C-alpha atoms as a PDB file:
ATOM      1  CA  MET A   1     -21.598  89.376 -10.648  1.00  0.00           C
ATOM      2  CA  ALA A   2     -18.395  87.473  -9.626  1.00  0.00           C
ATOM      3  CA  LEU A   3     -18.303  83.940 -10.747  1.00  0.00           C
ATOM      4  CA  ILE A   4     -15.781  83.166  -8.127  1.00  0.00           C
ATOM      5  CA  ARG A   5     -15.685  85.000  -4.938  1.00  0.00           C
ATOM      6  CA  LEU A   6     -13.581  84.198  -1.655  1.00  0.00           C
ATOM      7  CA  SER A   7     -14.838  85.993   1.632  1.00  0.00           C
ATOM      8  CA  ASP A   8     -12.163  86.073   4.433  1.00  0.00           C
ATOM      9  CA  VAL A   9     -10.991  82.477   3.498  1.00  0.00           C
ATOM     10  CA  SER A  10      -8.025  80.849   5.511  1.00  0.00           C
ATOM     11  CA  TYR A  11      -6.523  77.182   5.346  1.00  0.00           C
ATOM     12  CA  THR A  12      -4.217  75.893   7.993  1.00  0.00           C
ATOM     13  CA  TYR A  13      -1.789  72.873   7.516  1.00  0.00           C
ATOM     14  CA  GLY A  14      -1.234  71.694  11.033  1.00  0.00           C
ATOM     15  CA  ALA A  15      -0.271  74.704  13.203  1.00  0.00           C
ATOM     16  CA  GLY A  16       0.615  77.094  10.442  1.00  0.00           C
ATOM     17  CA  TYR A  17      -1.540  79.169   8.057  1.00  0.00           C
ATOM     18  CA  ALA A  18      -1.149  78.231   4.357  1.00  0.00           C
ATOM     19  CA  LEU A  19      -3.721  80.869   3.389  1.00  0.00           C
ATOM     20  CA  GLN A  20      -5.081  83.703   5.635  1.00  0.00           C
ATOM     21  CA  GLY A  21      -7.683  86.197   5.361  1.00  0.00           C
ATOM     22  CA  ILE A  22      -8.236  85.875   1.445  1.00  0.00           C
ATOM     23  CA  ASN A  23     -10.736  88.239  -0.090  1.00  0.00           C
ATOM     24  CA  MET A  24     -10.926  88.171  -3.744  1.00  0.00           C
ATOM     25  CA  ALA A  25     -13.204  87.706  -6.739  1.00  0.00           C
ATOM     26  CA  ALA A  26     -13.041  87.078 -10.457  1.00  0.00           C
ATOM     27  CA  ARG A  27     -15.658  87.875 -13.085  1.00  0.00           C
ATOM     28  CA  LYS A  28     -17.023  86.685 -16.258  1.00  0.00           C
ATOM     29  CA  GLY A  29     -14.669  87.431 -19.206  1.00  0.00           C
ATOM     30  CA  GLU A  30     -11.682  88.372 -16.785  1.00  0.00           C
ATOM     31  CA  LEU A  31      -8.239  86.722 -16.906  1.00  0.00           C
ATOM     32  CA  VAL A  32      -6.650  87.151 -13.425  1.00  0.00           C
ATOM     33  CA  GLY A  33      -2.962  86.334 -12.986  1.00  0.00           C
ATOM     34  CA  ILE A  34      -1.682  84.852  -9.547  1.00  0.00           C
ATOM     35  CA  ILE A  35       2.030  85.527  -8.643  1.00  0.00           C
ATOM     36  CA  GLY A  36       4.201  84.882  -5.819  1.00  0.00           C
ATOM     37  CA  PRO A  37       7.163  82.856  -4.693  1.00  0.00           C
ATOM     38  CA  ASN A  38       6.937  79.198  -4.115  1.00  0.00           C
ATOM     39  CA  GLY A  39       5.194  78.474  -0.723  1.00  0.00           C
ATOM     40  CA  SER A  40       3.180  81.600  -0.985  1.00  0.00           C
ATOM     41  CA  GLY A  41       0.077  79.464  -0.881  1.00  0.00           C
ATOM     42  CA  LYS A  42      -0.955  79.685  -4.775  1.00  0.00           C
ATOM     43  CA  SER A  43      -1.833  76.144  -5.369  1.00  0.00           C
ATOM     44  CA  THR A  44      -3.567  75.787  -2.077  1.00  0.00           C
ATOM     45  CA  LEU A  45      -5.744  78.686  -3.315  1.00  0.00           C
ATOM     46  CA  PHE A  46      -6.572  76.955  -6.437  1.00  0.00           C
ATOM     47  CA  LYS A  47      -7.347  73.630  -4.689  1.00  0.00           C
ATOM     48  CA  ILE A  48      -9.773  75.656  -2.500  1.00  0.00           C
ATOM     49  CA  ILE A  49     -11.417  77.300  -5.544  1.00  0.00           C
ATOM     50  CA  ASP A  50     -11.814  73.851  -7.149  1.00  0.00           C
ATOM     51  CA  GLY A  51     -13.286  72.522  -4.133  1.00  0.00           C
ATOM     52  CA  LEU A  52     -10.397  69.859  -3.643  1.00  0.00           C
ATOM     53  CA  LEU A  53      -9.718  71.480  -0.119  1.00  0.00           C
ATOM     54  CA  ARG A  54     -12.272  73.106   2.273  1.00  0.00           C
ATOM     55  CA  PRO A  55     -11.169  76.313   3.889  1.00  0.00           C
ATOM     56  CA  SER A  56     -10.530  76.350   7.672  1.00  0.00           C
ATOM     57  CA  GLN A  57     -12.647  79.551   7.895  1.00  0.00           C
ATOM     58  CA  GLY A  58     -14.449  81.496   5.404  1.00  0.00           C
ATOM     59  CA  VAL A  59     -16.660  80.968   2.430  1.00  0.00           C
ATOM     60  CA  VAL A  60     -15.971  80.361  -1.316  1.00  0.00           C
ATOM     61  CA  TYR A  61     -18.977  81.178  -3.591  1.00  0.00           C
ATOM     62  CA  LEU A  62     -19.235  79.852  -7.176  1.00  0.00           C
ATOM     63  CA  ALA A  63     -21.695  81.695  -9.226  1.00  0.00           C
ATOM     64  CA  GLY A  64     -23.255  83.391  -6.199  1.00  0.00           C
ATOM     65  CA  LEU A  65     -23.659  80.043  -4.287  1.00  0.00           C
ATOM     66  CA  PRO A  66     -21.518  78.499  -1.578  1.00  0.00           C
ATOM     67  CA  LEU A  67     -19.157  76.016  -3.106  1.00  0.00           C
ATOM     68  CA  ALA A  68     -19.587  73.683   0.037  1.00  0.00           C
ATOM     69  CA  ARG A  69     -23.254  73.186  -1.047  1.00  0.00           C
ATOM     70  CA  LYS A  70     -22.304  71.717  -4.439  1.00  0.00           C
ATOM     71  CA  THR A  71     -21.435  68.271  -5.425  1.00  0.00           C
ATOM     72  CA  ARG A  72     -17.948  67.128  -6.738  1.00  0.00           C
ATOM     73  CA  LYS A  73     -19.637  66.610 -10.230  1.00  0.00           C
ATOM     74  CA  GLN A  74     -21.516  69.941  -9.971  1.00  0.00           C
ATOM     75  CA  ILE A  75     -18.176  71.789  -9.360  1.00  0.00           C
ATOM     76  CA  ALA A  76     -16.588  69.764 -12.155  1.00  0.00           C
ATOM     77  CA  GLY A  77     -19.423  71.130 -14.430  1.00  0.00           C
ATOM     78  CA  GLN A  78     -18.510  74.747 -13.735  1.00  0.00           C
ATOM     79  CA  VAL A  79     -14.656  74.682 -12.873  1.00  0.00           C
ATOM     80  CA  ALA A  80     -11.863  73.063 -14.725  1.00  0.00           C
ATOM     81  CA  MET A  81      -8.335  72.945 -13.592  1.00  0.00           C
ATOM     82  CA  VAL A  82      -5.112  72.521 -15.639  1.00  0.00           C
ATOM     83  CA  PRO A  83      -2.690  71.080 -12.939  1.00  0.00           C
ATOM     84  CA  GLN A  84       0.916  71.493 -12.682  1.00  0.00           C
ATOM     85  CA  GLU A  85       1.582  67.679 -13.077  1.00  0.00           C
ATOM     86  CA  ASN A  86      -0.656  65.018 -14.140  1.00  0.00           C
ATOM     87  CA  TYR A  87       0.407  61.302 -14.214  1.00  0.00           C
ATOM     88  CA  PHE A  88      -1.335  58.634 -16.106  1.00  0.00           C
ATOM     89  CA  LEU A  89      -1.160  54.879 -15.062  1.00  0.00           C
ATOM     90  CA  PHE A  90      -2.544  53.609 -18.352  1.00  0.00           C
ATOM     91  CA  PRO A  91      -1.250  54.359 -21.818  1.00  0.00           C
ATOM     92  CA  PHE A  92      -4.639  56.300 -22.957  1.00  0.00           C
ATOM     93  CA  SER A  93      -4.678  57.904 -26.278  1.00  0.00           C
ATOM     94  CA  VAL A  94      -4.667  61.861 -26.482  1.00  0.00           C
ATOM     95  CA  LYS A  95      -8.372  61.746 -27.610  1.00  0.00           C
ATOM     96  CA  GLU A  96      -9.321  59.608 -24.665  1.00  0.00           C
ATOM     97  CA  VAL A  97      -7.692  61.906 -22.159  1.00  0.00           C
ATOM     98  CA  VAL A  98      -9.447  65.005 -23.887  1.00  0.00           C
ATOM     99  CA  LEU A  99     -12.797  63.023 -23.478  1.00  0.00           C
ATOM    100  CA  MET A 100     -12.241  62.560 -20.038  1.00  0.00           C
ATOM    101  CA  GLY A 101     -13.211  66.273 -19.794  1.00  0.00           C
ATOM    102  CA  ARG A 102     -16.733  65.362 -20.701  1.00  0.00           C
ATOM    103  CA  PHE A 103     -17.305  63.457 -17.578  1.00  0.00           C
ATOM    104  CA  PRO A 104     -19.283  66.125 -15.676  1.00  0.00           C
ATOM    105  CA  HIS A 105     -21.788  66.158 -18.551  1.00  0.00           C
ATOM    106  CA  LYS A 106     -22.507  62.450 -18.773  1.00  0.00           C
ATOM    107  CA  GLY A 107     -24.838  60.259 -16.902  1.00  0.00           C
ATOM    108  CA  ILE A 108     -23.851  56.980 -15.183  1.00  0.00           C
ATOM    109  CA  PHE A 109     -22.625  54.388 -17.837  1.00  0.00           C
ATOM    110  CA  GLN A 110     -23.411  56.886 -20.526  1.00  0.00           C
ATOM    111  CA  PHE A 111     -20.999  56.702 -23.487  1.00  0.00           C
ATOM    112  CA  GLU A 112     -19.663  59.840 -25.528  1.00  0.00           C
ATOM    113  CA  GLY A 113     -21.805  61.002 -28.397  1.00  0.00           C
ATOM    114  CA  ASP A 114     -21.321  62.848 -31.459  1.00  0.00           C
ATOM    115  CA  THR A 115     -21.636  66.105 -29.624  1.00  0.00           C
ATOM    116  CA  ASP A 116     -18.861  65.061 -27.036  1.00  0.00           C
ATOM    117  CA  LEU A 117     -16.665  64.091 -29.846  1.00  0.00           C
ATOM    118  CA  LYS A 118     -17.097  67.259 -31.613  1.00  0.00           C
ATOM    119  CA  ILE A 119     -16.317  69.377 -28.434  1.00  0.00           C
ATOM    120  CA  ALA A 120     -13.269  67.221 -27.856  1.00  0.00           C
ATOM    121  CA  GLN A 121     -12.018  67.740 -31.459  1.00  0.00           C
ATOM    122  CA  GLU A 122     -12.527  71.549 -31.017  1.00  0.00           C
ATOM    123  CA  ALA A 123     -10.651  71.586 -27.806  1.00  0.00           C
ATOM    124  CA  MET A 124      -7.731  69.778 -29.294  1.00  0.00           C
ATOM    125  CA  GLU A 125      -7.473  72.013 -32.302  1.00  0.00           C
ATOM    126  CA  LEU A 126      -7.696  75.135 -29.969  1.00  0.00           C
ATOM    127  CA  SER A 127      -4.625  73.736 -27.932  1.00  0.00           C
ATOM    128  CA  LYS A 128      -3.053  72.672 -31.157  1.00  0.00           C
ATOM    129  CA  CYS A 129      -2.697  69.065 -30.152  1.00  0.00           C
ATOM    130  CA  ASP A 130      -5.292  67.620 -32.516  1.00  0.00           C
ATOM    131  CA  HIS A 131      -2.429  65.959 -34.597  1.00  0.00           C
ATOM    132  CA  LEU A 132      -1.546  63.900 -31.578  1.00  0.00           C
ATOM    133  CA  GLY A 133      -5.156  62.504 -31.097  1.00  0.00           C
ATOM    134  CA  ASP A 134      -4.204  58.764 -31.537  1.00  0.00           C
ATOM    135  CA  ARG A 135      -0.867  58.924 -29.781  1.00  0.00           C
ATOM    136  CA  SER A 136      -0.341  57.365 -26.317  1.00  0.00           C
ATOM    137  CA  ILE A 137      -0.158  60.115 -23.571  1.00  0.00           C
ATOM    138  CA  HIS A 138       2.941  58.250 -22.406  1.00  0.00           C
ATOM    139  CA  GLU A 139       4.866  59.137 -25.669  1.00  0.00           C
ATOM    140  CA  LEU A 140       4.596  63.005 -25.292  1.00  0.00           C
ATOM    141  CA  SER A 141       6.845  65.452 -24.397  1.00  0.00           C
ATOM    142  CA  GLY A 142       6.148  67.616 -21.373  1.00  0.00           C
ATOM    143  CA  GLY A 143       4.854  70.534 -23.638  1.00  0.00           C
ATOM    144  CA  GLU A 144       2.800  68.299 -25.774  1.00  0.00           C
ATOM    145  CA  ARG A 145       1.145  66.537 -22.644  1.00  0.00           C
ATOM    146  CA  GLN A 146       0.583  70.184 -21.132  1.00  0.00           C
ATOM    147  CA  ARG A 147      -1.408  70.985 -24.265  1.00  0.00           C
ATOM    148  CA  VAL A 148      -3.512  67.878 -23.995  1.00  0.00           C
ATOM    149  CA  LEU A 149      -4.313  68.730 -20.434  1.00  0.00           C
ATOM    150  CA  ILE A 150      -5.411  72.314 -21.561  1.00  0.00           C
ATOM    151  CA  ALA A 151      -7.724  70.523 -24.082  1.00  0.00           C
ATOM    152  CA  ARG A 152      -9.085  68.232 -21.731  1.00  0.00           C
ATOM    153  CA  ALA A 153     -10.018  71.274 -19.456  1.00  0.00           C
ATOM    154  CA  LEU A 154     -11.536  72.979 -22.394  1.00  0.00           C
ATOM    155  CA  ALA A 155     -13.667  69.950 -23.166  1.00  0.00           C
ATOM    156  CA  GLN A 156     -15.384  70.494 -19.692  1.00  0.00           C
ATOM    157  CA  GLU A 157     -16.860  73.667 -21.116  1.00  0.00           C
ATOM    158  CA  PRO A 158     -16.249  75.268 -17.788  1.00  0.00           C
ATOM    159  CA  GLN A 159     -17.301  78.737 -16.655  1.00  0.00           C
ATOM    160  CA  VAL A 160     -14.278  78.919 -14.516  1.00  0.00           C
ATOM    161  CA  LEU A 161     -10.731  77.764 -15.880  1.00  0.00           C
ATOM    162  CA  LEU A 162      -7.928  77.384 -13.178  1.00  0.00           C
ATOM    163  CA  MET A 163      -4.322  76.934 -14.584  1.00  0.00           C
ATOM    164  CA  ASP A 164      -1.409  76.169 -12.251  1.00  0.00           C
ATOM    165  CA  GLU A 165       1.689  77.204 -14.026  1.00  0.00           C
ATOM    166  CA  PRO A 166       0.515  75.802 -17.447  1.00  0.00           C
ATOM    167  CA  THR A 167       3.378  77.176 -19.419  1.00  0.00           C
ATOM    168  CA  THR A 168       6.128  75.459 -17.308  1.00  0.00           C
ATOM    169  CA  PHE A 169       6.975  72.892 -20.093  1.00  0.00           C
ATOM    170  CA  LEU A 170       6.177  75.082 -23.162  1.00  0.00           C
ATOM    171  CA  ASP A 171       8.825  76.803 -25.341  1.00  0.00           C
ATOM    172  CA  ILE A 172       8.579  80.524 -25.875  1.00  0.00           C
ATOM    173  CA  ARG A 173       6.219  80.399 -28.879  1.00  0.00           C
ATOM    174  CA  PHE A 174       3.709  78.069 -27.196  1.00  0.00           C
ATOM    175  CA  ARG A 175       3.818  80.406 -24.033  1.00  0.00           C
ATOM    176  CA  LYS A 176       2.744  83.229 -26.075  1.00  0.00           C
ATOM    177  CA  GLU A 177       0.118  81.286 -27.933  1.00  0.00           C
ATOM    178  CA  PHE A 178      -1.330  79.822 -24.618  1.00  0.00           C
ATOM    179  CA  PHE A 179      -1.807  83.321 -23.178  1.00  0.00           C
ATOM    180  CA  GLU A 180      -3.229  84.581 -26.605  1.00  0.00           C
ATOM    181  CA  LEU A 181      -5.704  81.540 -26.535  1.00  0.00           C
ATOM    182  CA  VAL A 182      -6.862  81.980 -22.940  1.00  0.00           C
ATOM    183  CA  SER A 183      -7.041  85.841 -23.530  1.00  0.00           C
ATOM    184  CA  SER A 184      -9.472  85.169 -26.384  1.00  0.00           C
ATOM    185  CA  LEU A 185     -11.490  82.477 -24.741  1.00  0.00           C
ATOM    186  CA  CYS A 186     -12.230  85.176 -22.067  1.00  0.00           C
ATOM    187  CA  SER A 187     -13.032  87.904 -24.327  1.00  0.00           C
ATOM    188  CA  GLN A 188     -15.072  85.851 -26.886  1.00  0.00           C
ATOM    189  CA  ARG A 189     -16.572  83.260 -24.799  1.00  0.00           C
ATOM    190  CA  GLY A 190     -16.885  85.069 -21.319  1.00  0.00           C
ATOM    191  CA  LEU A 191     -14.613  82.386 -19.747  1.00  0.00           C
ATOM    192  CA  CYS A 192     -13.407  83.452 -16.139  1.00  0.00           C
ATOM    193  CA  SER A 193      -9.862  82.296 -15.978  1.00  0.00           C
ATOM    194  CA  LEU A 194      -7.113  82.468 -13.318  1.00  0.00           C
ATOM    195  CA  VAL A 195      -3.611  81.505 -13.990  1.00  0.00           C
ATOM    196  CA  ILE A 196      -0.709  80.905 -11.599  1.00  0.00           C
ATOM    197  CA  SER A 197       2.543  81.949 -13.560  1.00  0.00           C
ATOM    198  CA  HIS A 198       6.126  82.672 -12.864  1.00  0.00           C
ATOM    199  CA  ASP A 199       6.364  84.146 -16.318  1.00  0.00           C
ATOM    200  CA  ILE A 200       5.355  87.766 -14.777  1.00  0.00           C
ATOM    201  CA  ASP A 201       6.115  89.505 -18.193  1.00  0.00           C
ATOM    202  CA  LEU A 202       3.648  87.545 -20.234  1.00  0.00           C
ATOM    203  CA  ALA A 203       1.082  87.681 -17.215  1.00  0.00           C
ATOM    204  CA  SER A 204       1.547  91.339 -17.257  1.00  0.00           C
ATOM    205  CA  MET A 205       0.969  91.491 -20.935  1.00  0.00           C
ATOM    206  CA  TYR A 206      -2.420  89.414 -20.904  1.00  0.00           C
ATOM    207  CA  CYS A 207      -3.871  89.529 -17.608  1.00  0.00           C
ATOM    208  CA  HIS A 208      -6.653  92.101 -16.740  1.00  0.00           C
ATOM    209  CA  ARG A 209      -5.572  91.919 -12.942  1.00  0.00           C
ATOM    210  CA  ILE A 210      -2.691  90.637 -10.909  1.00  0.00           C
ATOM    211  CA  ILE A 211      -2.852  89.170  -7.425  1.00  0.00           C
ATOM    212  CA  MET A 212       0.555  88.990  -5.605  1.00  0.00           C
ATOM    213  CA  LEU A 213       0.809  86.575  -2.822  1.00  0.00           C
ATOM    214  CA  LYS A 214       3.080  86.683   0.138  1.00  0.00           C
ATOM    215  CA  GLU A 215       3.166  84.021   2.864  1.00  0.00           C
ATOM    216  CA  GLY A 216      -0.408  83.247   2.347  1.00  0.00           C
ATOM    217  CA  ARG A 217      -1.779  86.624   2.234  1.00  0.00           C
ATOM    218  CA  ILE A 218      -2.527  89.126  -0.559  1.00  0.00           C
ATOM    219  CA  TYR A 219       0.198  91.602  -0.629  1.00  0.00           C
ATOM    220  CA  ALA A 220      -0.907  93.605  -3.697  1.00  0.00           C
ATOM    221  CA  GLU A 221      -4.007  93.262  -6.075  1.00  0.00           C
ATOM    222  CA  GLY A 222      -4.756  95.384  -9.078  1.00  0.00           C
ATOM    223  CA  SER A 223      -3.791  96.200 -12.789  1.00  0.00           C
ATOM    224  CA  PRO A 224      -0.397  94.787 -14.016  1.00  0.00           C
ATOM    225  CA  THR A 225       1.079  98.437 -13.872  1.00  0.00           C
ATOM    226  CA  GLU A 226      -0.007  98.718 -10.121  1.00  0.00           C
ATOM    227  CA  VAL A 227       1.216  95.445  -9.012  1.00  0.00           C
ATOM    228  CA  VAL A 228       4.453  94.702 -10.966  1.00  0.00           C
ATOM    229  CA  THR A 229       6.550  97.158  -9.618  1.00  0.00           C
ATOM    230  CA  SER A 230      10.435  96.961  -8.505  1.00  0.00           C
ATOM    231  CA  GLU A 231       9.543  97.679  -4.975  1.00  0.00           C
ATOM    232  CA  ASN A 232       6.647  94.849  -4.878  1.00  0.00           C
ATOM    233  CA  ILE A 233       8.849  92.153  -6.746  1.00  0.00           C
ATOM    234  CA  GLY A 234      11.807  92.985  -4.679  1.00  0.00           C
ATOM    235  CA  GLU A 235       9.923  92.781  -1.227  1.00  0.00           C
ATOM    236  CA  VAL A 236       7.834  89.638  -2.113  1.00  0.00           C
ATOM    237  CA  PHE A 237      10.500  87.609  -4.183  1.00  0.00           C
ATOM    238  CA  GLY A 238      13.552  88.814  -2.258  1.00  0.00           C
ATOM    239  CA  CYS A 239      15.311  89.591  -5.463  1.00  0.00           C
ATOM    240  CA  PRO A 240      16.520  93.093  -6.817  1.00  0.00           C
ATOM    241  CA  VAL A 241      14.886  93.975 -10.004  1.00  0.00           C
ATOM    242  CA  LEU A 242      14.192  96.769 -12.385  1.00  0.00           C
ATOM    243  CA  VAL A 243      10.805  97.109 -13.915  1.00  0.00           C
ATOM    244  CA  ASP A 244      10.433  99.109 -16.906  1.00  0.00           C
ATOM    245  CA  LYS A 245       7.898  98.872 -19.768  1.00  0.00           C
ATOM    246  CA  ASN A 246       8.075  96.667 -22.732  1.00  0.00           C
ATOM    247  CA  PRO A 247       8.590  99.235 -25.629  1.00  0.00           C
ATOM    248  CA  VAL A 248       5.931  97.440 -27.932  1.00  0.00           C
ATOM    249  CA  THR A 249       3.135  96.429 -25.425  1.00  0.00           C
ATOM    250  CA  GLN A 250       3.776  99.114 -22.704  1.00  0.00           C
ATOM    251  CA  THR A 251       3.377  96.536 -20.219  1.00  0.00           C
ATOM    252  CA  PRO A 252       5.555  95.930 -17.119  1.00  0.00           C
ATOM    253  CA  ARG A 253       8.870  94.048 -17.959  1.00  0.00           C
ATOM    254  CA  VAL A 254      10.895  92.417 -15.120  1.00  0.00           C
ATOM    255  CA  ASN A 255      14.755  92.874 -15.483  1.00  0.00           C
ATOM    256  CA  ILE A 256      16.868  91.033 -12.834  1.00  0.00           C
ATOM    257  CA  ILE A 257      19.742  93.069 -11.737  1.00  0.00           C
END
């Protein structure tokens, strides 16, 4: 059974469609890449899956039940999102930020216990930010802050992980390590992960499937080899490219020409 399923979902901003007629699903243990140019509806799609926006039409299902029937806290207990940006008004420590991910599992006025601290520590270790635990979130670089946000999401212990361009501020080493981490969480822990990425080469290398959006619609969906082609990239992104195979991984590689 699909953990996430969208049935004929559309969303309008004013008079225009941001998303139209979206039918898609993602299963346990699957890593799905979402690609497309700016303005194609990728972030809107994630906000709908996370319950932050309600579709103008259609239904979103989470673990077989309509998302609209769930409370915000119930959704947060199953779905975690690593946003494109996150601003903190107060100088929380890294450990405090990661512990915020435990909120869906706590009662009102309930403080964090040993189990919460252990889960937060493990999440920081997985995201390679455990050495930053006592630092203020305001003191970190963009890449360091992004790893903290990934750790906070992992601390939620979600079934579904949504990541909106999570490697934007990471250098090439940590981009690769990030995809390796998420790939291992999918295969070893059964996490269902969807990632918006402009790094099409890395998405092709690690994702089981790719969904390509154009103007709020699904233009192509399938394996990386099926979706990441010179014709599709040229049509959707409006940029001539040559797509060949990475000589080591044999996955699609995009070359601008």
